[in-house]
């Protein structure tokens, strides 16, 4: 599988929304985040037991599906990185635009994983 970034290219297919499928996709698109994924999974499952609710697990799945959607699509990943880098820009208008763009990227990714 090629990992060369080009607009519109997907590094991996969109994974199923299961812990194993999400972990396998993350291992390809952003392996440095695997420890974070495991930590937040452990927290979500512990919270689910404490609350006697699957809501924390569903939230965990959606958050990682969204982040993997961004990472697997170089176009979204580039927009995400640019926006994050400008969030604390000294020019307030640039920082506001970065915040708007970051929201747009997150919304686009979330819509894609809900499709």
Protein backbone atom coordinates (compact mmCIF):
# COMPACT_ATOMS: atom_id res chain seq x y z
CA UNK A 1 0.00 0.00 0.00
CA UNK A 2 1.34 3.41 -0.95
CA UNK A 3 1.52 6.11 1.66
CA UNK A 4 2.31 8.92 -0.73
CA UNK A 5 0.04 11.85 0.03
CA UNK A 6 -1.93 13.36 -2.77
CA UNK A 7 -5.21 15.22 -2.72
CA UNK A 8 -8.16 12.85 -2.57
CA UNK A 9 -6.06 9.71 -2.05
CA UNK A 10 -6.95 7.47 0.89
CA UNK A 11 -4.09 5.74 2.68
CA UNK A 12 -6.35 2.92 3.88
CA UNK A 13 -10.02 2.11 3.38
CA UNK A 14 -12.41 3.51 5.98
CA UNK A 15 -12.36 0.94 8.80
CA UNK A 16 -15.37 -0.61 10.44
CA UNK A 17 -16.27 1.05 13.70
CA UNK A 18 -14.92 -1.69 15.96
CA UNK A 19 -11.94 -1.41 18.33
CA UNK A 20 -9.90 -3.98 16.37
CA UNK A 21 -10.58 -2.41 12.96
CA UNK A 22 -9.85 1.10 14.26
CA UNK A 23 -6.61 -0.07 15.87
CA UNK A 24 -5.48 -1.79 12.66
CA UNK A 25 -6.17 1.37 10.63
CA UNK A 26 -4.40 3.60 13.15
CA UNK A 27 -1.37 1.27 13.07
CA UNK A 28 -1.02 2.18 9.38
CA UNK A 29 -1.96 5.87 9.29
CA UNK A 30 -0.60 7.15 12.63
CA UNK A 31 1.11 4.42 14.69
CA UNK A 32 2.62 6.87 17.17
CA UNK A 33 -0.91 7.39 18.55
CA UNK A 34 -1.46 3.70 19.41
CA UNK A 35 -0.57 4.15 23.11
CA UNK A 36 -3.01 7.09 23.33
CA UNK A 37 -5.71 4.98 21.70
CA UNK A 38 -5.20 2.16 24.20
CA UNK A 39 -5.19 4.55 27.16
CA UNK A 40 -8.40 6.25 26.08
CA UNK A 41 -10.01 2.87 25.31
CA UNK A 42 -9.21 1.65 28.81
CA UNK A 43 -10.66 4.87 30.26
CA UNK A 44 -13.84 4.58 28.14
CA UNK A 45 -14.43 0.96 29.11
CA UNK A 46 -13.83 1.71 32.81
CA UNK A 47 -16.25 4.63 32.61
CA UNK A 48 -18.81 2.42 30.83
CA UNK A 49 -18.68 -0.06 33.71
CA UNK A 50 -18.90 2.71 36.31
CA UNK A 51 -21.83 4.41 34.55
CA UNK A 52 -23.42 1.12 33.49
CA UNK A 53 -23.78 2.64 30.04
CA UNK A 54 -22.25 2.08 26.63
CA UNK A 55 -22.16 5.84 25.93
CA UNK A 56 -18.45 6.23 26.80
CA UNK A 57 -17.56 3.35 24.46
CA UNK A 58 -19.66 4.77 21.62
CA UNK A 59 -18.02 8.17 22.14
CA UNK A 60 -14.57 6.55 22.06
CA UNK A 61 -15.38 4.71 18.81
CA UNK A 62 -16.69 7.87 17.13
CA UNK A 63 -13.76 10.03 18.26
CA UNK A 64 -11.22 7.54 16.92
CA UNK A 65 -13.18 6.91 13.73
CA UNK A 66 -13.15 10.70 13.15
CA UNK A 67 -9.40 11.01 13.88
CA UNK A 68 -8.59 8.05 11.63
CA UNK A 69 -10.77 9.54 8.87
CA UNK A 70 -8.59 12.66 9.02
CA UNK A 71 -5.33 10.71 9.12
CA UNK A 72 -6.26 8.33 6.29
CA UNK A 73 -7.08 11.21 3.92
CA UNK A 74 -4.03 13.37 3.13
CA UNK A 75 -6.27 16.26 2.02
CA UNK A 76 -8.00 16.39 5.41
CA UNK A 77 -4.78 15.72 7.29
CA UNK A 78 -3.07 18.68 5.60
CA UNK A 79 -6.01 21.01 6.32
CA UNK A 80 -6.09 19.78 9.94
CA UNK A 81 -2.35 20.36 10.41
CA UNK A 82 -2.49 23.85 8.88
CA UNK A 83 -5.44 24.85 11.04
CA UNK A 84 -3.85 23.52 14.24
CA UNK A 85 -0.58 25.32 13.49
CA UNK A 86 -2.41 28.66 13.21
CA UNK A 87 -4.67 28.36 16.26
CA UNK A 88 -2.35 30.51 18.38
CA UNK A 89 -1.28 32.87 15.61
CA UNK A 90 -0.52 36.42 16.76
CA UNK A 91 -2.98 37.77 14.22
CA UNK A 92 -6.45 37.30 15.72
CA UNK A 93 -8.14 37.01 12.32
CA UNK A 94 -5.75 34.22 11.31
CA UNK A 95 -6.39 32.40 14.58
CA UNK A 96 -10.18 32.75 14.15
CA UNK A 97 -9.98 31.42 10.60
CA UNK A 98 -7.85 28.50 11.84
CA UNK A 99 -10.48 27.69 14.46
CA UNK A 100 -13.23 27.84 11.83
CA UNK A 101 -11.23 25.60 9.48
CA UNK A 102 -10.46 23.14 12.27
CA UNK A 103 -14.19 22.89 13.00
CA UNK A 104 -14.92 22.38 9.30
CA UNK A 105 -12.36 19.55 9.06
CA UNK A 106 -13.72 17.83 12.17
CA UNK A 107 -17.30 18.19 10.87
CA UNK A 108 -16.37 16.77 7.46
CA UNK A 109 -14.62 13.81 9.05
CA UNK A 110 -17.53 13.12 11.42
CA UNK A 111 -20.04 13.28 8.56
CA UNK A 112 -17.92 10.80 6.60
CA UNK A 113 -17.85 8.26 9.42
CA UNK A 114 -21.62 8.61 9.93
CA UNK A 115 -22.34 8.00 6.23
